[in-house]
Amino acid sequence: MTSEQTTHFGFTQVPSPEKAQRVAQVFDSVASRYDLMNDLMSCGIHRLWKRFTIELAGVRHGQRILDLAGGTGDLAAKFATLVGSSGQVVLADINNQMLQVGRNRLLNKGLLVDYAQVNAESLPFADNSFDIITIAFGLRNVTDKDAALASMLRVLKPGGRVLILEFSELKILPLKPLYDLYSFKVLPILGKLFVKDADSYRYLAESIRMHPNQETFLQSMQRAGFDHCDYHNLSGGVVAVHRGYKW
């Protein structure tokens, strides 16, 4: 089997078609307690990371927004209030369990959004459809990231922008040993205690290490055709928000 036929699932090499199935199993397992675990793992800081991303998006009334890997709907809920009745928000995820959790949450809040179960690598939307595309903590799980970037660029309107919030490379070197200890020892324990699933959170830690660092991913966005690309490190680079435009 050639290298082109395999990809990484955490630190493990698997056949490329198999990765999507394994990722689906991870999120099927954690969907019902996804938000609880996010709060526990980050001590609630993930809410501030998402708030920064929303502010950076610069959403305006009447715009069309696609929230990819939107999961439980954190970003979509805020976007729905910002675009108003003349706009549109599409909450999209490849995982049906996650999408159902998000749908139920937004319905309970009385928020009107559209829903779509999609693969980010081949988005089923027309060219030039959206003013803004966001994807938070989802791109590292995509098998072919370059295909996903190309697909996002295609459905983005000219003048539109994409914002990608993702775990990245910690830049505070003295903290790396503690960060590794927390990632590989504490996270699986939390997963076992609260979700009865240590393996999914072991995969989380491994997938973060396999994701390109800030500069490498910035170059991937530029190669995909995005212009005026930049990124913002948050919490010392634990996460970063990458932004790019379509002209």
Protein backbone atom coordinates (compact mmCIF):
# COMPACT_ATOMS: atom_id res chain seq x y z
CA MET A 1 0.00 0.00 0.00
CA THR A 2 1.50 3.35 -1.00
CA SER A 3 1.66 6.41 1.24
CA GLU A 4 -1.00 8.09 -0.93
CA GLN A 5 -3.45 5.39 0.14
CA THR A 6 -2.98 5.87 3.86
CA THR A 7 -3.49 8.72 6.29
CA HIS A 8 -3.13 9.30 9.99
CA PHE A 9 -5.77 8.61 12.59
CA GLY A 10 -4.00 10.13 15.55
CA PHE A 11 -0.58 8.51 15.58
CA THR A 12 -1.83 5.44 13.69
CA GLN A 13 -1.62 5.04 9.92
CA VAL A 14 -4.88 3.73 8.45
CA PRO A 15 -6.28 3.31 4.91
CA SER A 16 -7.60 6.71 3.81
CA PRO A 17 -11.24 5.58 3.38
CA GLU A 18 -11.16 4.17 6.92
CA LYS A 19 -10.38 7.46 8.68
CA ALA A 20 -13.84 8.95 8.17
CA GLN A 21 -15.41 5.83 9.67
CA ARG A 22 -13.15 5.96 12.71
CA VAL A 23 -13.78 9.67 13.25
CA ALA A 24 -17.51 8.99 13.01
CA GLN A 25 -17.20 6.39 15.75
CA VAL A 26 -15.41 8.91 17.96
CA PHE A 27 -18.15 11.50 17.65
CA ASP A 28 -20.98 8.98 17.89
CA SER A 29 -19.48 8.04 21.23
CA VAL A 30 -19.05 11.56 22.65
CA ALA A 31 -21.95 13.50 21.05
CA SER A 32 -24.28 13.51 24.05
CA ARG A 33 -21.61 14.91 26.39
CA TYR A 34 -19.52 16.83 23.90
CA ASP A 35 -20.15 20.24 25.48
CA LEU A 36 -19.59 18.97 29.00
CA MET A 37 -16.22 17.58 28.01
CA ASN A 38 -15.25 20.79 26.20
CA ASP A 39 -15.94 22.74 29.38
CA LEU A 40 -14.00 20.27 31.51
CA MET A 41 -11.02 20.01 29.16
CA SER A 42 -10.60 23.74 28.63
CA CYS A 43 -12.01 25.01 31.94
CA GLY A 44 -14.57 26.85 29.82
CA ILE A 45 -11.96 28.76 27.81
CA HIS A 46 -13.24 27.24 24.55
CA ARG A 47 -16.18 29.66 24.83
CA LEU A 48 -13.78 32.60 24.72
CA TRP A 49 -11.97 31.12 21.70
CA LYS A 50 -15.28 30.79 19.88
CA ARG A 51 -16.35 34.29 20.88
CA PHE A 52 -13.13 35.69 19.42
CA THR A 53 -13.76 33.78 16.20
CA ILE A 54 -17.29 35.18 15.94
CA GLU A 55 -16.03 38.73 16.48
CA LEU A 56 -13.28 38.23 13.89
CA ALA A 57 -15.87 37.01 11.37
CA GLY A 58 -17.51 40.45 11.32
CA VAL A 59 -20.97 39.05 10.60
CA ARG A 60 -23.53 41.52 9.23
CA HIS A 61 -27.31 41.48 8.98
CA GLY A 62 -28.61 39.57 5.97
CA GLN A 63 -25.49 37.51 5.26
CA ARG A 64 -25.37 33.79 4.44
CA ILE A 65 -23.14 31.75 6.74
CA LEU A 66 -22.00 28.13 6.60
CA ASP A 67 -20.84 26.68 9.92
CA LEU A 68 -18.98 23.48 9.05
CA ALA A 69 -18.38 20.77 11.65
CA GLY A 70 -20.82 22.88 13.63
CA GLY A 71 -21.62 20.07 16.03
CA THR A 72 -23.74 21.28 18.91
CA GLY A 73 -24.35 24.70 17.37
CA ASP A 74 -22.34 27.11 19.53
CA LEU A 75 -21.32 29.33 16.63
CA ALA A 76 -24.50 28.85 14.61
CA ALA A 77 -26.64 30.05 17.52
CA LYS A 78 -24.79 33.35 17.69
CA PHE A 79 -24.70 33.74 13.91
CA ALA A 80 -28.47 33.26 13.72
CA THR A 81 -29.03 36.25 15.98
CA LEU A 82 -26.55 38.38 14.00
CA VAL A 83 -27.83 37.76 10.46
CA GLY A 84 -31.49 38.23 11.39
CA SER A 85 -34.51 37.01 9.46
CA SER A 86 -33.13 38.27 6.12
CA GLY A 87 -29.99 36.14 6.44
CA GLN A 88 -29.31 32.42 6.51
CA VAL A 89 -27.23 30.16 8.70
CA VAL A 90 -26.50 26.57 7.68
CA LEU A 91 -25.33 24.29 10.48
CA ALA A 92 -23.43 21.47 8.80
CA ASP A 93 -21.65 18.39 10.11
CA ILE A 94 -20.60 15.04 8.69
CA ASN A 95 -21.78 13.29 11.86
CA ASN A 96 -25.53 12.79 12.24
CA GLN A 97 -25.38 12.34 16.02
CA MET A 98 -23.62 15.67 16.50
CA LEU A 99 -26.00 17.37 14.07
CA GLN A 100 -29.02 16.09 15.97
CA VAL A 101 -27.65 17.42 19.26
CA GLY A 102 -27.11 20.83 17.66
CA ARG A 103 -30.54 20.82 16.01
CA ASN A 104 -32.32 20.02 19.28
CA ARG A 105 -30.39 22.70 21.14
CA LEU A 106 -31.17 25.44 18.60
CA LEU A 107 -34.83 24.45 18.38
CA ASN A 108 -35.08 24.69 22.16
CA LYS A 109 -33.68 28.21 21.90
CA GLY A 110 -36.22 29.11 19.22
CA LEU A 111 -33.51 29.80 16.65
CA LEU A 112 -34.20 29.19 12.97
CA VAL A 113 -31.27 27.75 11.02
CA ASP A 114 -30.89 25.22 8.22
CA TYR A 115 -29.17 21.88 8.66
CA ALA A 116 -27.07 19.75 6.34
CA GLN A 117 -25.13 16.54 6.81
CA VAL A 118 -22.12 17.08 4.56
CA ASN A 119 -18.53 16.06 3.93
CA ALA A 120 -16.31 19.15 3.98
CA GLU A 121 -14.21 17.67 1.17
CA SER A 122 -17.11 17.83 -1.31
CA LEU A 123 -19.64 20.43 -0.22
CA PRO A 124 -23.04 20.04 -1.96
CA PHE A 125 -23.63 23.77 -2.40
CA ALA A 126 -23.54 25.97 -5.46
CA ASP A 127 -20.50 28.08 -6.31
CA ASN A 128 -20.35 31.49 -4.60
CA SER A 129 -23.08 30.67 -2.05
CA PHE A 130 -21.83 32.01 1.30
CA ASP A 131 -20.48 35.26 2.67
CA ILE A 132 -18.71 33.55 5.57
CA ILE A 133 -17.63 29.98 6.30
CA THR A 134 -16.48 28.86 9.73
CA ILE A 135 -15.15 25.55 10.97
CA ALA A 136 -14.24 25.15 14.64
CA PHE A 137 -12.23 22.17 15.87
CA GLY A 138 -13.22 20.07 12.88
CA LEU A 139 -10.62 20.44 10.15
CA ARG A 140 -8.01 18.25 11.83
CA ASN A 141 -10.48 15.35 11.56
CA VAL A 142 -10.87 15.74 7.79
CA THR A 143 -9.03 13.13 5.73
CA ASP A 144 -8.08 15.43 2.82
CA LYS A 145 -7.64 18.94 4.20
CA ASP A 146 -6.57 20.36 0.82
CA ALA A 147 -9.78 19.09 -0.77
CA ALA A 148 -11.80 20.65 2.05
CA LEU A 149 -10.08 24.02 1.59
CA ALA A 150 -10.71 23.90 -2.16
CA SER A 151 -14.37 23.04 -1.57
CA MET A 152 -14.79 25.90 0.89
CA LEU A 153 -13.18 28.34 -1.53
CA ARG A 154 -15.55 27.25 -4.30
CA VAL A 155 -18.76 27.85 -2.31
CA LEU A 156 -17.52 31.13 -0.83
CA LYS A 157 -18.70 34.33 -2.50
CA PRO A 158 -16.11 36.71 -3.97
CA GLY A 159 -15.16 39.03 -1.11
CA GLY A 160 -16.17 36.38 1.41
CA ARG A 161 -13.97 34.90 4.11
CA VAL A 162 -13.29 31.64 5.87
CA LEU A 163 -12.35 31.34 9.55
CA ILE A 164 -10.79 28.14 10.85
CA LEU A 165 -10.52 27.72 14.61
CA GLU A 166 -8.32 24.75 15.44
CA PHE A 167 -5.85 23.40 17.95
CA SER A 168 -2.34 24.37 16.95
CA GLU A 169 1.24 24.46 18.22
CA LEU A 170 1.88 25.79 21.71
CA LYS A 171 4.45 28.56 21.47
CA ILE A 172 5.35 28.83 25.17
CA LEU A 173 8.15 26.29 25.26
CA PRO A 174 8.47 25.90 29.06
CA LEU A 175 4.83 24.80 29.22
CA LYS A 176 5.12 22.03 26.62
CA PRO A 177 5.96 19.22 29.08
CA LEU A 178 2.94 20.13 31.21
CA TYR A 179 0.76 20.43 28.13
CA ASP A 180 1.85 16.99 26.92
CA LEU A 181 1.22 15.50 30.36
CA TYR A 182 -2.25 16.98 30.43
CA SER A 183 -3.02 15.92 26.86
CA PHE A 184 -1.87 12.32 27.03
CA LYS A 185 -2.58 11.46 30.68
CA VAL A 186 -5.35 13.69 32.01
CA LEU A 187 -7.63 13.92 28.95
CA PRO A 188 -8.10 10.14 28.59
CA ILE A 189 -8.92 9.94 32.31
CA LEU A 190 -11.55 12.66 31.95
CA GLY A 191 -12.97 10.84 28.94
CA LYS A 192 -13.16 7.59 30.88
CA LEU A 193 -14.82 9.23 33.89
CA PHE A 194 -17.40 11.38 32.13
CA VAL A 195 -18.01 9.71 28.75
CA LYS A 196 -16.87 6.14 29.50
CA ASP A 197 -14.50 6.52 26.55
CA ALA A 198 -10.79 7.10 27.09
CA ASP A 199 -9.77 6.16 23.54
CA SER A 200 -11.65 9.04 21.88
CA TYR A 201 -9.80 11.58 24.00
CA ARG A 202 -6.51 9.83 23.44
CA TYR A 203 -7.23 10.28 19.73
CA LEU A 204 -7.99 13.96 20.38
CA ALA A 205 -4.54 14.53 21.87
CA GLU A 206 -2.85 12.64 19.03
CA SER A 207 -4.83 14.39 16.30
CA ILE A 208 -3.78 17.78 17.67
CA ARG A 209 -0.11 16.82 17.35
CA MET A 210 -0.63 15.63 13.78
CA HIS A 211 -2.35 18.83 12.63
CA PRO A 212 -0.08 21.31 10.78
CA ASN A 213 1.32 24.17 12.85
CA GLN A 214 0.30 27.78 12.28
CA GLU A 215 2.70 28.69 9.49
CA THR A 216 2.37 25.39 7.66
CA PHE A 217 -1.40 25.61 7.63
CA LEU A 218 -1.27 29.26 6.53
CA GLN A 219 0.70 28.11 3.49
CA SER A 220 -1.92 25.42 2.80
CA MET A 221 -4.61 28.09 2.71
CA GLN A 222 -2.56 30.21 0.33
CA ARG A 223 -1.94 27.25 -1.99
CA ALA A 224 -5.68 26.56 -1.99
CA GLY A 225 -6.24 30.05 -3.40
CA PHE A 226 -7.21 32.12 -0.37
CA ASP A 227 -5.88 35.69 -0.26
CA HIS A 228 -4.79 38.00 2.57
CA CYS A 229 -4.43 35.02 4.89
CA ASP A 230 -3.49 35.54 8.52
CA TYR A 231 -3.81 33.85 11.88
CA HIS A 232 -4.26 34.76 15.52
CA ASN A 233 -2.75 32.67 18.30
CA LEU A 234 -4.94 32.20 21.35
CA SER A 235 -3.81 30.92 24.76
CA GLY A 236 -0.19 30.90 23.68
CA GLY A 237 -0.89 28.99 20.48
CA VAL A 238 -2.87 26.14 22.05
CA VAL A 239 -5.41 27.15 19.42
CA ALA A 240 -5.24 29.49 16.44
CA VAL A 241 -7.79 31.18 14.22
CA HIS A 242 -6.78 31.22 10.57
CA ARG A 243 -8.57 33.61 8.23
CA GLY A 244 -8.55 33.87 4.46
CA TYR A 245 -10.48 35.74 1.77
CA LYS A 246 -11.76 34.96 -1.71
CA TRP A 247 -11.25 37.72 -4.29
